[in-house]
Amino acid sequence: LLYHNLGHWYQCPNGHTYTIANCGLANQASSCPECGANVGGINYNLSAGNSANSEYESLYQYNI
């Protein structure tokens, strides 16, 4: 069984990777600890310049 509710991987506008836990959707804004750029988002919309990190998504799938 592949479990997808452990969060999702994203990258800030400067390419630093971060994760959003639980449902994996953006419902809180924060800042990147590496560069200070806006990360996350509100109302399930990513902040401008953020994007899904498909490389990490494919590497970190959880089998239960």
C-alpha atoms as a PDB file:
ATOM      1  CA  LEU A   1       0.000   0.000   0.000  1.00  0.00           C
ATOM      2  CA  LEU A   2       1.474   3.332  -1.045  1.00  0.00           C
ATOM      3  CA  TYR A   3       0.756   6.017   1.561  1.00  0.00           C
ATOM      4  CA  HIS A   4       0.570   9.583   0.233  1.00  0.00           C
ATOM      5  CA  ASN A   5      -0.647  11.521   3.299  1.00  0.00           C
ATOM      6  CA  LEU A   6       2.777  12.116   4.814  1.00  0.00           C
ATOM      7  CA  GLY A   7       3.279  15.465   3.118  1.00  0.00           C
ATOM      8  CA  HIS A   8       4.730  16.728  -0.130  1.00  0.00           C
ATOM      9  CA  TRP A   9       8.031  18.248  -1.256  1.00  0.00           C
ATOM     10  CA  TYR A  10       8.409  21.747  -2.693  1.00  0.00           C
ATOM     11  CA  GLN A  11      11.143  24.229  -3.477  1.00  0.00           C
ATOM     12  CA  CYS A  12      11.387  27.925  -2.723  1.00  0.00           C
ATOM     13  CA  PRO A  13      11.998  30.489  -5.506  1.00  0.00           C
ATOM     14  CA  ASN A  14      15.756  29.980  -4.986  1.00  0.00           C
ATOM     15  CA  GLY A  15      15.598  26.185  -5.335  1.00  0.00           C
ATOM     16  CA  HIS A  16      15.846  25.163  -1.662  1.00  0.00           C
ATOM     17  CA  THR A  17      13.788  22.082  -0.852  1.00  0.00           C
ATOM     18  CA  TYR A  18      11.196  21.977   1.928  1.00  0.00           C
ATOM     19  CA  THR A  19       8.264  19.787   2.869  1.00  0.00           C
ATOM     20  CA  ILE A  20       4.703  20.446   3.937  1.00  0.00           C
ATOM     21  CA  ALA A  21       3.507  17.727   6.312  1.00  0.00           C
ATOM     22  CA  ASN A  22       0.097  16.142   6.894  1.00  0.00           C
ATOM     23  CA  CYS A  23      -2.070  16.767   3.820  1.00  0.00           C
ATOM     24  CA  GLY A  24       0.919  18.309   2.015  1.00  0.00           C
ATOM     25  CA  LEU A  25      -0.940  21.389   0.803  1.00  0.00           C
ATOM     26  CA  ALA A  26      -0.014  25.000   1.522  1.00  0.00           C
ATOM     27  CA  ASN A  27      -2.173  26.511   4.252  1.00  0.00           C
ATOM     28  CA  GLN A  28       0.460  28.487   6.167  1.00  0.00           C
ATOM     29  CA  ALA A  29       3.127  30.911   4.963  1.00  0.00           C
ATOM     30  CA  SER A  30       6.648  30.916   6.353  1.00  0.00           C
ATOM     31  CA  SER A  31      10.178  31.763   5.261  1.00  0.00           C
ATOM     32  CA  CYS A  32      12.931  29.575   3.869  1.00  0.00           C
ATOM     33  CA  PRO A  33      15.579  28.917   6.541  1.00  0.00           C
ATOM     34  CA  GLU A  34      18.279  28.969   3.840  1.00  0.00           C
ATOM     35  CA  CYS A  35      17.538  32.272   2.098  1.00  0.00           C
ATOM     36  CA  GLY A  36      14.509  33.899   3.741  1.00  0.00           C
ATOM     37  CA  ALA A  37      12.239  33.663   0.666  1.00  0.00           C
ATOM     38  CA  ASN A  38       8.514  33.124   1.191  1.00  0.00           C
ATOM     39  CA  VAL A  39       7.572  29.440   1.352  1.00  0.00           C
ATOM     40  CA  GLY A  40       4.302  27.606   1.857  1.00  0.00           C
ATOM     41  CA  GLY A  41       1.218  29.641   1.084  1.00  0.00           C
ATOM     42  CA  ILE A  42      -2.353  30.282   2.129  1.00  0.00           C
ATOM     43  CA  ASN A  43      -5.746  28.879   1.178  1.00  0.00           C
ATOM     44  CA  TYR A  44      -3.992  25.864  -0.395  1.00  0.00           C
ATOM     45  CA  ASN A  45      -2.172  28.049  -2.935  1.00  0.00           C
ATOM     46  CA  LEU A  46       1.628  28.113  -2.995  1.00  0.00           C
ATOM     47  CA  SER A  47       3.390  31.441  -2.561  1.00  0.00           C
ATOM     48  CA  ALA A  48       4.646  33.014  -5.794  1.00  0.00           C
ATOM     49  CA  GLY A  49       7.778  31.353  -7.138  1.00  0.00           C
ATOM     50  CA  ASN A  50       7.351  28.128  -5.132  1.00  0.00           C
ATOM     51  CA  SER A  51       6.913  24.868  -7.010  1.00  0.00           C
ATOM     52  CA  ALA A  52       6.506  21.157  -6.425  1.00  0.00           C
ATOM     53  CA  ASN A  53       9.782  19.246  -6.244  1.00  0.00           C
ATOM     54  CA  SER A  54       8.999  16.224  -8.411  1.00  0.00           C
ATOM     55  CA  GLU A  55      12.487  14.759  -7.936  1.00  0.00           C
ATOM     56  CA  TYR A  56      11.984  14.455  -4.178  1.00  0.00           C
ATOM     57  CA  GLU A  57       8.372  13.340  -4.595  1.00  0.00           C
ATOM     58  CA  SER A  58       9.534  10.371  -6.665  1.00  0.00           C
ATOM     59  CA  LEU A  59      12.313   9.488  -4.192  1.00  0.00           C
ATOM     60  CA  TYR A  60      10.254   9.686  -1.012  1.00  0.00           C
ATOM     61  CA  GLN A  61       7.199   7.538  -1.442  1.00  0.00           C
ATOM     62  CA  TYR A  62       6.210   5.516   1.573  1.00  0.00           C
ATOM     63  CA  ASN A  63       5.172   1.899   1.379  1.00  0.00           C
ATOM     64  CA  ILE A  64       3.190   0.631   4.342  1.00  0.00           C
END
